[in-house]
């Protein structure tokens, strides 16, 4: 907490303390306000912090009473930060950065991974990589409280930069490099291969490989615009001289695979977290084979924290298992 201010006065020649308490800014309440400013809503902030929306709303309400300031205003079904709230949230980010440095130095001196570590990972990494990594960390480091949230890769980088999460697992493609803003460091985890998935009766199903130049005129199943995989598909096909005909769009890879199985089109889907393919779907090698690279990202200086260093090491240690030829064959 930030200390209260005290006034003293003398009355009738006697020293008599008059206590006037200025608003006390509680760090947890500032953290809640900062989370709302970063994530854009009370519900999203609650999910990121591991609290209920009601608990976050109560923290904000207490902060409003203590500061005698309106911080959130209704806007449709959501809320927006007032100008005073945005200023306070910026100050909260500075304070949280100071606390993070203190915690990093303390953990570094102890030399043991400990405390809470918030991790953001994109969907297929959250499904195909993180369960084994988190289980390993929990078994080897009981003092470490690692917590996972599923977040789009480009959003997770911003969350790291703003101090909303400690570590992010993100990815990029050759035609869509991952932006790494100043103050954020990264390390490569590994490379994830991508297959062309086609219905079993498709002409490509009997082929060992297909060239990118042969993809014209196909009906595509893909993630929605704004997703990294969507942008990669569009840019790659246009570079090969084809305008993609995207007929079905879905966020989740299992949904894309199900649409392929129904014979509704073809899709390019990475192997990580894909799971076993259902009957009726055939993987075909696309040449050159699409590859996406996975990264771990953290704020500059935080890599000295044993919790982050150990998590990055564990991510790299588990990557060969989830990306091995045997795993790809099972998928």
C-alpha atoms as a PDB file:
ATOM      1  CA  UNK A   1       0.000   0.000   0.000  1.00  0.00           C
ATOM      2  CA  UNK A   2       0.949   3.622  -0.420  1.00  0.00           C
ATOM      3  CA  UNK A   3       1.151   5.192   3.007  1.00  0.00           C
ATOM      4  CA  UNK A   4      -1.499   7.590   4.307  1.00  0.00           C
ATOM      5  CA  UNK A   5      -0.623  11.143   5.129  1.00  0.00           C
ATOM      6  CA  UNK A   6      -0.941  12.439   8.696  1.00  0.00           C
ATOM      7  CA  UNK A   7      -1.500  15.980   9.930  1.00  0.00           C
ATOM      8  CA  UNK A   8      -0.659  17.163  13.402  1.00  0.00           C
ATOM      9  CA  UNK A   9      -2.037  20.262  15.158  1.00  0.00           C
ATOM     10  CA  UNK A  10      -1.777  21.876  18.512  1.00  0.00           C
ATOM     11  CA  UNK A  11      -4.880  22.847  20.426  1.00  0.00           C
ATOM     12  CA  UNK A  12      -4.837  25.203  23.414  1.00  0.00           C
ATOM     13  CA  UNK A  13      -1.125  24.823  23.735  1.00  0.00           C
ATOM     14  CA  UNK A  14      -1.354  21.058  23.990  1.00  0.00           C
ATOM     15  CA  UNK A  15      -0.099  18.642  21.337  1.00  0.00           C
ATOM     16  CA  UNK A  16      -3.180  16.800  20.096  1.00  0.00           C
ATOM     17  CA  UNK A  17      -2.906  14.701  16.921  1.00  0.00           C
ATOM     18  CA  UNK A  18      -5.704  15.238  14.454  1.00  0.00           C
ATOM     19  CA  UNK A  19      -5.828  12.319  12.050  1.00  0.00           C
ATOM     20  CA  UNK A  20      -6.855  13.055   8.499  1.00  0.00           C
ATOM     21  CA  UNK A  21      -6.412   9.966   6.331  1.00  0.00           C
ATOM     22  CA  UNK A  22      -5.919  10.478   2.616  1.00  0.00           C
ATOM     23  CA  UNK A  23      -7.103   7.739   0.227  1.00  0.00           C
ATOM     24  CA  UNK A  24      -4.984   4.623   0.581  1.00  0.00           C
ATOM     25  CA  UNK A  25      -4.208   2.981  -2.738  1.00  0.00           C
ATOM     26  CA  UNK A  26      -4.239  -0.768  -2.359  1.00  0.00           C
ATOM     27  CA  UNK A  27      -1.987  -2.572  -4.832  1.00  0.00           C
ATOM     28  CA  UNK A  28      -4.515  -5.343  -5.498  1.00  0.00           C
ATOM     29  CA  UNK A  29      -7.182  -2.782  -6.380  1.00  0.00           C
ATOM     30  CA  UNK A  30      -4.757  -1.005  -8.678  1.00  0.00           C
ATOM     31  CA  UNK A  31      -3.959  -4.371 -10.244  1.00  0.00           C
ATOM     32  CA  UNK A  32      -7.674  -4.922 -10.900  1.00  0.00           C
ATOM     33  CA  UNK A  33      -8.016  -1.497 -12.542  1.00  0.00           C
ATOM     34  CA  UNK A  34      -4.906  -2.096 -14.637  1.00  0.00           C
ATOM     35  CA  UNK A  35      -6.292  -5.462 -15.770  1.00  0.00           C
ATOM     36  CA  UNK A  36      -9.569  -3.849 -16.870  1.00  0.00           C
ATOM     37  CA  UNK A  37      -7.622  -1.213 -18.824  1.00  0.00           C
ATOM     38  CA  UNK A  38      -5.544  -3.884 -20.571  1.00  0.00           C
ATOM     39  CA  UNK A  39      -8.234  -6.493 -21.253  1.00  0.00           C
ATOM     40  CA  UNK A  40     -11.073  -4.074 -21.982  1.00  0.00           C
ATOM     41  CA  UNK A  41     -13.763  -5.490 -19.703  1.00  0.00           C
ATOM     42  CA  UNK A  42     -14.381  -6.603 -16.140  1.00  0.00           C
ATOM     43  CA  UNK A  43     -15.059 -10.174 -17.250  1.00  0.00           C
ATOM     44  CA  UNK A  44     -11.841 -10.460 -19.269  1.00  0.00           C
ATOM     45  CA  UNK A  45      -9.849  -8.868 -16.443  1.00  0.00           C
ATOM     46  CA  UNK A  46     -11.344 -11.351 -13.971  1.00  0.00           C
ATOM     47  CA  UNK A  47     -10.413 -14.293 -16.206  1.00  0.00           C
ATOM     48  CA  UNK A  48      -6.839 -13.021 -16.510  1.00  0.00           C
ATOM     49  CA  UNK A  49      -6.469 -12.466 -12.764  1.00  0.00           C
ATOM     50  CA  UNK A  50      -8.137 -15.733 -11.780  1.00  0.00           C
ATOM     51  CA  UNK A  51     -10.989 -13.988  -9.917  1.00  0.00           C
ATOM     52  CA  UNK A  52     -14.727 -13.714 -10.451  1.00  0.00           C
ATOM     53  CA  UNK A  53     -16.127 -10.634 -12.236  1.00  0.00           C
ATOM     54  CA  UNK A  54     -17.920  -9.759  -9.004  1.00  0.00           C
ATOM     55  CA  UNK A  55     -14.630  -9.729  -7.084  1.00  0.00           C
ATOM     56  CA  UNK A  56     -13.008  -7.423  -9.642  1.00  0.00           C
ATOM     57  CA  UNK A  57     -16.046  -5.102  -9.590  1.00  0.00           C
ATOM     58  CA  UNK A  58     -15.840  -4.934  -5.811  1.00  0.00           C
ATOM     59  CA  UNK A  59     -12.146  -4.032  -5.957  1.00  0.00           C
ATOM     60  CA  UNK A  60     -12.883  -1.229  -8.424  1.00  0.00           C
ATOM     61  CA  UNK A  61     -15.809   0.009  -6.315  1.00  0.00           C
ATOM     62  CA  UNK A  62     -13.590   0.187  -3.220  1.00  0.00           C
ATOM     63  CA  UNK A  63     -10.945   2.044  -5.201  1.00  0.00           C
ATOM     64  CA  UNK A  64     -13.589   4.537  -6.348  1.00  0.00           C
ATOM     65  CA  UNK A  65     -14.705   5.139  -2.762  1.00  0.00           C
ATOM     66  CA  UNK A  66     -11.159   5.526  -1.513  1.00  0.00           C
ATOM     67  CA  UNK A  67     -10.155   7.948  -4.262  1.00  0.00           C
ATOM     68  CA  UNK A  68     -13.560   9.667  -4.361  1.00  0.00           C
ATOM     69  CA  UNK A  69     -13.333   9.328  -8.131  1.00  0.00           C
ATOM     70  CA  UNK A  70     -15.522   7.698 -10.770  1.00  0.00           C
ATOM     71  CA  UNK A  71     -13.289   5.179 -12.561  1.00  0.00           C
ATOM     72  CA  UNK A  72     -15.685   3.132 -14.690  1.00  0.00           C
ATOM     73  CA  UNK A  73     -18.701   4.289 -16.668  1.00  0.00           C
ATOM     74  CA  UNK A  74     -21.362   2.196 -18.349  1.00  0.00           C
ATOM     75  CA  UNK A  75     -21.099   1.951 -22.120  1.00  0.00           C
ATOM     76  CA  UNK A  76     -23.687  -0.309 -23.692  1.00  0.00           C
ATOM     77  CA  UNK A  77     -23.307  -3.701 -22.064  1.00  0.00           C
ATOM     78  CA  UNK A  78     -19.732  -2.986 -21.045  1.00  0.00           C
ATOM     79  CA  UNK A  79     -17.747  -0.307 -19.279  1.00  0.00           C
ATOM     80  CA  UNK A  80     -15.165   2.278 -20.224  1.00  0.00           C
ATOM     81  CA  UNK A  81     -12.438   3.890 -18.166  1.00  0.00           C
ATOM     82  CA  UNK A  82     -12.761   7.579 -17.326  1.00  0.00           C
ATOM     83  CA  UNK A  83      -9.847   9.928 -18.002  1.00  0.00           C
ATOM     84  CA  UNK A  84      -8.950   9.744 -14.293  1.00  0.00           C
ATOM     85  CA  UNK A  85      -9.013   5.945 -14.445  1.00  0.00           C
ATOM     86  CA  UNK A  86      -6.696   5.853 -17.456  1.00  0.00           C
ATOM     87  CA  UNK A  87      -4.223   8.082 -15.629  1.00  0.00           C
ATOM     88  CA  UNK A  88      -4.433   5.914 -12.505  1.00  0.00           C
ATOM     89  CA  UNK A  89      -4.056   2.741 -14.583  1.00  0.00           C
ATOM     90  CA  UNK A  90      -0.863   4.111 -16.145  1.00  0.00           C
ATOM     91  CA  UNK A  91       0.491   4.824 -12.667  1.00  0.00           C
ATOM     92  CA  UNK A  92      -0.571   1.333 -11.583  1.00  0.00           C
ATOM     93  CA  UNK A  93       1.454  -0.138 -14.443  1.00  0.00           C
ATOM     94  CA  UNK A  94       4.552   1.686 -13.183  1.00  0.00           C
ATOM     95  CA  UNK A  95       3.964   0.454  -9.627  1.00  0.00           C
ATOM     96  CA  UNK A  96       3.390  -3.112 -10.771  1.00  0.00           C
ATOM     97  CA  UNK A  97       6.644  -2.956 -12.743  1.00  0.00           C
ATOM     98  CA  UNK A  98       8.474  -1.897  -9.580  1.00  0.00           C
ATOM     99  CA  UNK A  99       6.889  -4.756  -7.644  1.00  0.00           C
ATOM    100  CA  UNK A 100       7.846  -7.181 -10.419  1.00  0.00           C
ATOM    101  CA  UNK A 101      11.477  -6.050 -10.279  1.00  0.00           C
ATOM    102  CA  UNK A 102      11.521  -6.510  -6.509  1.00  0.00           C
ATOM    103  CA  UNK A 103      10.007  -9.981  -6.782  1.00  0.00           C
ATOM    104  CA  UNK A 104      12.450 -10.897  -9.559  1.00  0.00           C
ATOM    105  CA  UNK A 105      15.439  -9.830  -7.478  1.00  0.00           C
ATOM    106  CA  UNK A 106      14.170 -11.710  -4.428  1.00  0.00           C
ATOM    107  CA  UNK A 107      13.475 -14.896  -6.405  1.00  0.00           C
ATOM    108  CA  UNK A 108      16.827 -14.563  -8.144  1.00  0.00           C
ATOM    109  CA  UNK A 109      18.612 -14.389  -4.791  1.00  0.00           C
ATOM    110  CA  UNK A 110      16.781 -17.503  -3.608  1.00  0.00           C
ATOM    111  CA  UNK A 111      17.574 -19.286  -6.861  1.00  0.00           C
ATOM    112  CA  UNK A 112      14.369 -21.364  -6.759  1.00  0.00           C
ATOM    113  CA  UNK A 113      11.307 -20.997  -9.036  1.00  0.00           C
ATOM    114  CA  UNK A 114       8.518 -19.740  -6.797  1.00  0.00           C
ATOM    115  CA  UNK A 115       5.463 -17.518  -6.644  1.00  0.00           C
ATOM    116  CA  UNK A 116       2.736 -16.958  -9.210  1.00  0.00           C
ATOM    117  CA  UNK A 117       3.612 -17.108 -12.907  1.00  0.00           C
ATOM    118  CA  UNK A 118       0.906 -16.099 -15.397  1.00  0.00           C
ATOM    119  CA  UNK A 119       1.260 -17.612 -18.872  1.00  0.00           C
ATOM    120  CA  UNK A 120      -0.651 -16.783 -22.066  1.00  0.00           C
ATOM    121  CA  UNK A 121      -0.602 -19.333 -24.889  1.00  0.00           C
ATOM    122  CA  UNK A 122      -2.392 -19.609 -28.226  1.00  0.00           C
ATOM    123  CA  UNK A 123      -5.026 -22.329 -28.606  1.00  0.00           C
ATOM    124  CA  UNK A 124      -3.089 -25.234 -30.117  1.00  0.00           C
ATOM    125  CA  UNK A 125      -0.127 -24.674 -27.774  1.00  0.00           C
ATOM    126  CA  UNK A 126      -2.504 -24.539 -24.813  1.00  0.00           C
ATOM    127  CA  UNK A 127      -3.890 -27.899 -25.947  1.00  0.00           C
ATOM    128  CA  UNK A 128      -0.858 -29.697 -27.360  1.00  0.00           C
ATOM    129  CA  UNK A 129       2.115 -28.391 -25.366  1.00  0.00           C
ATOM    130  CA  UNK A 130       1.164 -26.670 -22.127  1.00  0.00           C
ATOM    131  CA  UNK A 131      -0.545 -29.534 -20.221  1.00  0.00           C
ATOM    132  CA  UNK A 132       2.644 -31.615 -20.050  1.00  0.00           C
ATOM    133  CA  UNK A 133       4.789 -28.535 -19.348  1.00  0.00           C
ATOM    134  CA  UNK A 134       2.553 -27.342 -16.501  1.00  0.00           C
ATOM    135  CA  UNK A 135       2.365 -30.825 -14.987  1.00  0.00           C
ATOM    136  CA  UNK A 136       6.158 -31.120 -15.107  1.00  0.00           C
ATOM    137  CA  UNK A 137       6.627 -27.698 -13.479  1.00  0.00           C
ATOM    138  CA  UNK A 138       4.129 -28.545 -10.725  1.00  0.00           C
ATOM    139  CA  UNK A 139       5.885 -31.838  -9.963  1.00  0.00           C
ATOM    140  CA  UNK A 140       9.401 -30.393  -9.882  1.00  0.00           C
ATOM    141  CA  UNK A 141       8.693 -26.988  -8.354  1.00  0.00           C
ATOM    142  CA  UNK A 142       5.840 -27.106  -5.813  1.00  0.00           C
ATOM    143  CA  UNK A 143       6.511 -23.498  -4.741  1.00  0.00           C
ATOM    144  CA  UNK A 144       5.727 -22.287  -8.274  1.00  0.00           C
ATOM    145  CA  UNK A 145       2.094 -21.389  -9.008  1.00  0.00           C
ATOM    146  CA  UNK A 146       1.918 -21.360 -12.827  1.00  0.00           C
ATOM    147  CA  UNK A 147      -1.418 -20.276 -14.316  1.00  0.00           C
ATOM    148  CA  UNK A 148      -2.441 -20.528 -17.976  1.00  0.00           C
ATOM    149  CA  UNK A 149      -4.776 -18.418 -20.130  1.00  0.00           C
ATOM    150  CA  UNK A 150      -5.564 -19.119 -23.789  1.00  0.00           C
ATOM    151  CA  UNK A 151      -4.890 -15.954 -25.816  1.00  0.00           C
ATOM    152  CA  UNK A 152      -4.352 -15.112 -29.491  1.00  0.00           C
ATOM    153  CA  UNK A 153      -0.595 -14.831 -30.200  1.00  0.00           C
ATOM    154  CA  UNK A 154      -0.558 -11.180 -31.279  1.00  0.00           C
ATOM    155  CA  UNK A 155      -2.679 -10.174 -28.279  1.00  0.00           C
ATOM    156  CA  UNK A 156      -0.434 -12.094 -25.889  1.00  0.00           C
ATOM    157  CA  UNK A 157       2.635 -10.128 -26.982  1.00  0.00           C
ATOM    158  CA  UNK A 158       0.861  -6.906 -26.029  1.00  0.00           C
ATOM    159  CA  UNK A 159      -0.156  -8.406 -22.689  1.00  0.00           C
ATOM    160  CA  UNK A 160       3.477  -9.185 -21.930  1.00  0.00           C
ATOM    161  CA  UNK A 161       4.560  -5.666 -22.898  1.00  0.00           C
ATOM    162  CA  UNK A 162       1.900  -4.132 -20.616  1.00  0.00           C
ATOM    163  CA  UNK A 163       2.762  -6.392 -17.689  1.00  0.00           C
ATOM    164  CA  UNK A 164      -0.602  -8.187 -17.724  1.00  0.00           C
ATOM    165  CA  UNK A 165       1.059 -11.619 -18.021  1.00  0.00           C
ATOM    166  CA  UNK A 166       4.548 -12.822 -17.109  1.00  0.00           C
ATOM    167  CA  UNK A 167       5.206 -15.106 -20.066  1.00  0.00           C
ATOM    168  CA  UNK A 168       3.609 -15.757 -23.447  1.00  0.00           C
ATOM    169  CA  UNK A 169       3.843 -18.662 -25.865  1.00  0.00           C
ATOM    170  CA  UNK A 170       3.200 -17.281 -29.346  1.00  0.00           C
ATOM    171  CA  UNK A 171       3.931 -18.172 -32.973  1.00  0.00           C
ATOM    172  CA  UNK A 172       4.462 -16.662 -36.386  1.00  0.00           C
ATOM    173  CA  UNK A 173       4.830 -17.666 -40.038  1.00  0.00           C
ATOM    174  CA  UNK A 174       7.455 -16.772 -42.616  1.00  0.00           C
ATOM    175  CA  UNK A 175       5.127 -14.267 -44.330  1.00  0.00           C
ATOM    176  CA  UNK A 176       3.718 -12.899 -41.048  1.00  0.00           C
ATOM    177  CA  UNK A 177       6.571 -12.288 -38.557  1.00  0.00           C
ATOM    178  CA  UNK A 178       5.668 -11.912 -34.897  1.00  0.00           C
ATOM    179  CA  UNK A 179       6.051  -8.292 -33.739  1.00  0.00           C
ATOM    180  CA  UNK A 180       8.294  -7.970 -30.696  1.00  0.00           C
ATOM    181  CA  UNK A 181       7.958  -4.486 -29.156  1.00  0.00           C
ATOM    182  CA  UNK A 182      10.748  -2.741 -27.228  1.00  0.00           C
ATOM    183  CA  UNK A 183      11.111  -4.051 -23.711  1.00  0.00           C
ATOM    184  CA  UNK A 184      10.107  -7.618 -24.631  1.00  0.00           C
ATOM    185  CA  UNK A 185      12.585 -10.463 -25.042  1.00  0.00           C
ATOM    186  CA  UNK A 186      12.005 -13.782 -26.779  1.00  0.00           C
ATOM    187  CA  UNK A 187      13.446 -17.253 -27.245  1.00  0.00           C
ATOM    188  CA  UNK A 188      12.623 -19.838 -29.921  1.00  0.00           C
ATOM    189  CA  UNK A 189      10.895 -22.965 -28.618  1.00  0.00           C
ATOM    190  CA  UNK A 190      10.717 -24.920 -31.874  1.00  0.00           C
ATOM    191  CA  UNK A 191       9.128 -25.260 -35.312  1.00  0.00           C
ATOM    192  CA  UNK A 192       5.659 -26.663 -35.966  1.00  0.00           C
ATOM    193  CA  UNK A 193       5.002 -28.343 -39.328  1.00  0.00           C
ATOM    194  CA  UNK A 194       1.745 -27.901 -41.227  1.00  0.00           C
ATOM    195  CA  UNK A 195      -0.119 -30.414 -43.413  1.00  0.00           C
ATOM    196  CA  UNK A 196      -2.666 -30.040 -46.167  1.00  0.00           C
ATOM    197  CA  UNK A 197      -5.808 -31.895 -45.029  1.00  0.00           C
ATOM    198  CA  UNK A 198      -8.179 -33.135 -47.728  1.00  0.00           C
ATOM    199  CA  UNK A 199     -11.277 -35.385 -47.850  1.00  0.00           C
ATOM    200  CA  UNK A 200     -10.457 -39.008 -48.644  1.00  0.00           C
ATOM    201  CA  UNK A 201     -12.103 -38.775 -52.077  1.00  0.00           C
ATOM    202  CA  UNK A 202     -10.291 -35.596 -53.071  1.00  0.00           C
ATOM    203  CA  UNK A 203      -7.862 -35.916 -56.035  1.00  0.00           C
ATOM    204  CA  UNK A 204      -4.976 -34.918 -53.758  1.00  0.00           C
ATOM    205  CA  UNK A 205      -5.695 -37.770 -51.319  1.00  0.00           C
ATOM    206  CA  UNK A 206      -3.668 -40.300 -53.309  1.00  0.00           C
ATOM    207  CA  UNK A 207      -0.669 -38.014 -53.706  1.00  0.00           C
ATOM    208  CA  UNK A 208       2.499 -38.071 -51.607  1.00  0.00           C
ATOM    209  CA  UNK A 209       2.993 -34.322 -52.060  1.00  0.00           C
ATOM    210  CA  UNK A 210       1.344 -31.288 -53.664  1.00  0.00           C
ATOM    211  CA  UNK A 211       3.030 -28.112 -54.910  1.00  0.00           C
ATOM    212  CA  UNK A 212       1.670 -24.706 -53.889  1.00  0.00           C
ATOM    213  CA  UNK A 213       1.140 -23.842 -57.530  1.00  0.00           C
ATOM    214  CA  UNK A 214      -1.487 -26.611 -57.778  1.00  0.00           C
ATOM    215  CA  UNK A 215      -3.817 -25.112 -55.176  1.00  0.00           C
ATOM    216  CA  UNK A 216      -5.822 -22.858 -57.475  1.00  0.00           C
ATOM    217  CA  UNK A 217      -9.583 -23.392 -57.710  1.00  0.00           C
ATOM    218  CA  UNK A 218      -9.883 -25.169 -54.342  1.00  0.00           C
ATOM    219  CA  UNK A 219     -12.565 -24.500 -51.728  1.00  0.00           C
ATOM    220  CA  UNK A 220     -10.818 -23.577 -48.482  1.00  0.00           C
ATOM    221  CA  UNK A 221     -11.702 -24.003 -44.833  1.00  0.00           C
ATOM    222  CA  UNK A 222      -9.810 -21.548 -42.635  1.00  0.00           C
ATOM    223  CA  UNK A 223      -9.778 -19.443 -39.498  1.00  0.00           C
ATOM    224  CA  UNK A 224     -11.462 -15.993 -39.666  1.00  0.00           C
ATOM    225  CA  UNK A 225      -9.683 -12.828 -40.861  1.00  0.00           C
ATOM    226  CA  UNK A 226      -7.343 -11.339 -38.295  1.00  0.00           C
ATOM    227  CA  UNK A 227      -5.963 -14.724 -37.303  1.00  0.00           C
ATOM    228  CA  UNK A 228      -2.340 -15.454 -38.133  1.00  0.00           C
ATOM    229  CA  UNK A 229      -3.218 -18.691 -39.971  1.00  0.00           C
ATOM    230  CA  UNK A 230      -5.795 -16.875 -42.118  1.00  0.00           C
ATOM    231  CA  UNK A 231      -3.317 -14.171 -43.103  1.00  0.00           C
ATOM    232  CA  UNK A 232      -0.690 -16.788 -43.930  1.00  0.00           C
ATOM    233  CA  UNK A 233      -3.067 -18.715 -46.210  1.00  0.00           C
ATOM    234  CA  UNK A 234      -4.201 -15.618 -48.082  1.00  0.00           C
ATOM    235  CA  UNK A 235      -0.670 -14.260 -48.583  1.00  0.00           C
ATOM    236  CA  UNK A 236       0.768 -17.637 -49.587  1.00  0.00           C
ATOM    237  CA  UNK A 237      -1.900 -18.425 -52.184  1.00  0.00           C
ATOM    238  CA  UNK A 238      -1.741 -14.948 -53.669  1.00  0.00           C
ATOM    239  CA  UNK A 239       2.045 -15.245 -53.919  1.00  0.00           C
ATOM    240  CA  UNK A 240       1.448 -18.457 -55.924  1.00  0.00           C
ATOM    241  CA  UNK A 241      -0.950 -16.610 -58.225  1.00  0.00           C
ATOM    242  CA  UNK A 242      -4.238 -17.826 -56.700  1.00  0.00           C
ATOM    243  CA  UNK A 243      -7.051 -15.881 -55.063  1.00  0.00           C
ATOM    244  CA  UNK A 244      -8.280 -18.084 -52.200  1.00  0.00           C
ATOM    245  CA  UNK A 245     -11.933 -19.116 -52.179  1.00  0.00           C
ATOM    246  CA  UNK A 246     -12.574 -19.398 -48.410  1.00  0.00           C
ATOM    247  CA  UNK A 247     -16.012 -20.996 -48.047  1.00  0.00           C
ATOM    248  CA  UNK A 248     -16.057 -21.890 -44.333  1.00  0.00           C
ATOM    249  CA  UNK A 249     -14.414 -20.185 -41.330  1.00  0.00           C
ATOM    250  CA  UNK A 250     -14.019 -21.353 -37.738  1.00  0.00           C
ATOM    251  CA  UNK A 251     -11.754 -20.540 -34.804  1.00  0.00           C
ATOM    252  CA  UNK A 252     -10.982 -24.037 -33.549  1.00  0.00           C
ATOM    253  CA  UNK A 253      -8.855 -26.571 -35.434  1.00  0.00           C
ATOM    254  CA  UNK A 254     -11.147 -29.519 -34.507  1.00  0.00           C
ATOM    255  CA  UNK A 255     -14.022 -27.680 -36.216  1.00  0.00           C
ATOM    256  CA  UNK A 256     -11.913 -27.135 -39.332  1.00  0.00           C
ATOM    257  CA  UNK A 257     -11.000 -30.834 -39.394  1.00  0.00           C
ATOM    258  CA  UNK A 258     -14.665 -31.827 -39.018  1.00  0.00           C
ATOM    259  CA  UNK A 259     -15.583 -29.650 -41.992  1.00  0.00           C
ATOM    260  CA  UNK A 260     -12.872 -31.325 -44.069  1.00  0.00           C
ATOM    261  CA  UNK A 261     -14.144 -34.744 -42.981  1.00  0.00           C
ATOM    262  CA  UNK A 262     -17.595 -33.763 -44.275  1.00  0.00           C
ATOM    263  CA  UNK A 263     -16.069 -33.169 -47.710  1.00  0.00           C
ATOM    264  CA  UNK A 264     -16.711 -29.405 -47.642  1.00  0.00           C
ATOM    265  CA  UNK A 265     -13.230 -28.235 -48.612  1.00  0.00           C
ATOM    266  CA  UNK A 266      -9.532 -28.510 -47.805  1.00  0.00           C
ATOM    267  CA  UNK A 267      -7.477 -26.895 -45.037  1.00  0.00           C
ATOM    268  CA  UNK A 268      -3.915 -26.199 -43.953  1.00  0.00           C
ATOM    269  CA  UNK A 269      -3.580 -27.092 -40.285  1.00  0.00           C
ATOM    270  CA  UNK A 270      -0.456 -27.261 -38.067  1.00  0.00           C
ATOM    271  CA  UNK A 271       0.331 -30.524 -36.314  1.00  0.00           C
ATOM    272  CA  UNK A 272       0.655 -29.117 -32.791  1.00  0.00           C
ATOM    273  CA  UNK A 273      -2.468 -29.836 -30.778  1.00  0.00           C
ATOM    274  CA  UNK A 274      -4.329 -31.141 -33.843  1.00  0.00           C
ATOM    275  CA  UNK A 275      -5.149 -34.503 -32.325  1.00  0.00           C
ATOM    276  CA  UNK A 276      -5.912 -37.760 -34.182  1.00  0.00           C
ATOM    277  CA  UNK A 277      -7.509 -37.239 -37.579  1.00  0.00           C
ATOM    278  CA  UNK A 278     -10.985 -38.738 -38.048  1.00  0.00           C
ATOM    279  CA  UNK A 279     -11.780 -41.170 -40.804  1.00  0.00           C
ATOM    280  CA  UNK A 280     -12.374 -39.454 -44.084  1.00  0.00           C
ATOM    281  CA  UNK A 281      -9.491 -36.964 -43.665  1.00  0.00           C
ATOM    282  CA  UNK A 282      -6.123 -37.508 -45.373  1.00  0.00           C
ATOM    283  CA  UNK A 283      -2.959 -35.482 -44.601  1.00  0.00           C
ATOM    284  CA  UNK A 284      -0.873 -34.593 -47.662  1.00  0.00           C
ATOM    285  CA  UNK A 285       2.549 -32.984 -47.690  1.00  0.00           C
ATOM    286  CA  UNK A 286       2.567 -29.494 -49.199  1.00  0.00           C
ATOM    287  CA  UNK A 287       5.826 -28.432 -50.847  1.00  0.00           C
ATOM    288  CA  UNK A 288       7.486 -26.293 -49.693  1.00  0.00           C
ATOM    289  CA  UNK A 289       6.092 -27.426 -46.342  1.00  0.00           C
ATOM    290  CA  UNK A 290       4.590 -24.581 -44.291  1.00  0.00           C
ATOM    291  CA  UNK A 291       6.342 -24.058 -40.958  1.00  0.00           C
ATOM    292  CA  UNK A 292       5.456 -21.817 -38.067  1.00  0.00           C
ATOM    293  CA  UNK A 293       7.916 -20.960 -35.305  1.00  0.00           C
ATOM    294  CA  UNK A 294       6.992 -20.961 -31.626  1.00  0.00           C
ATOM    295  CA  UNK A 295       8.410 -18.419 -29.183  1.00  0.00           C
ATOM    296  CA  UNK A 296       8.443 -17.721 -25.470  1.00  0.00           C
ATOM    297  CA  UNK A 297       8.275 -14.011 -24.654  1.00  0.00           C
ATOM    298  CA  UNK A 298       8.800 -12.072 -21.419  1.00  0.00           C
ATOM    299  CA  UNK A 299       9.583  -8.537 -20.311  1.00  0.00           C
ATOM    300  CA  UNK A 300      13.189  -7.409 -20.522  1.00  0.00           C
ATOM    301  CA  UNK A 301      15.036  -8.237 -17.317  1.00  0.00           C
ATOM    302  CA  UNK A 302      12.425 -10.725 -16.098  1.00  0.00           C
ATOM    303  CA  UNK A 303      14.379 -13.557 -17.715  1.00  0.00           C
ATOM    304  CA  UNK A 304      16.603 -13.483 -14.612  1.00  0.00           C
ATOM    305  CA  UNK A 305      13.641 -14.762 -12.626  1.00  0.00           C
ATOM    306  CA  UNK A 306      14.150 -18.495 -12.011  1.00  0.00           C
ATOM    307  CA  UNK A 307      10.444 -19.169 -12.648  1.00  0.00           C
ATOM    308  CA  UNK A 308      10.657 -17.786 -16.182  1.00  0.00           C
ATOM    309  CA  UNK A 309      14.048 -19.310 -16.958  1.00  0.00           C
ATOM    310  CA  UNK A 310      12.840 -22.726 -15.775  1.00  0.00           C
ATOM    311  CA  UNK A 311       9.570 -22.489 -17.689  1.00  0.00           C
ATOM    312  CA  UNK A 312      11.371 -21.612 -20.935  1.00  0.00           C
ATOM    313  CA  UNK A 313      13.775 -24.510 -20.372  1.00  0.00           C
ATOM    314  CA  UNK A 314      10.834 -26.872 -19.755  1.00  0.00           C
ATOM    315  CA  UNK A 315       9.033 -25.660 -22.888  1.00  0.00           C
ATOM    316  CA  UNK A 316      12.113 -26.462 -24.973  1.00  0.00           C
ATOM    317  CA  UNK A 317      12.565 -29.802 -23.230  1.00  0.00           C
ATOM    318  CA  UNK A 318       8.999 -30.924 -24.021  1.00  0.00           C
ATOM    319  CA  UNK A 319       8.920 -29.612 -27.590  1.00  0.00           C
ATOM    320  CA  UNK A 320      10.685 -32.611 -29.232  1.00  0.00           C
ATOM    321  CA  UNK A 321       8.063 -34.894 -27.665  1.00  0.00           C
ATOM    322  CA  UNK A 322       5.040 -33.051 -29.063  1.00  0.00           C
ATOM    323  CA  UNK A 323       6.673 -32.393 -32.451  1.00  0.00           C
ATOM    324  CA  UNK A 324       8.304 -35.794 -33.034  1.00  0.00           C
ATOM    325  CA  UNK A 325       7.572 -37.874 -36.158  1.00  0.00           C
ATOM    326  CA  UNK A 326       5.734 -40.414 -33.992  1.00  0.00           C
ATOM    327  CA  UNK A 327       3.429 -37.697 -32.679  1.00  0.00           C
ATOM    328  CA  UNK A 328       2.790 -36.406 -36.193  1.00  0.00           C
ATOM    329  CA  UNK A 329       1.941 -39.927 -37.384  1.00  0.00           C
ATOM    330  CA  UNK A 330      -0.506 -40.368 -34.497  1.00  0.00           C
ATOM    331  CA  UNK A 331      -2.101 -37.073 -35.459  1.00  0.00           C
END
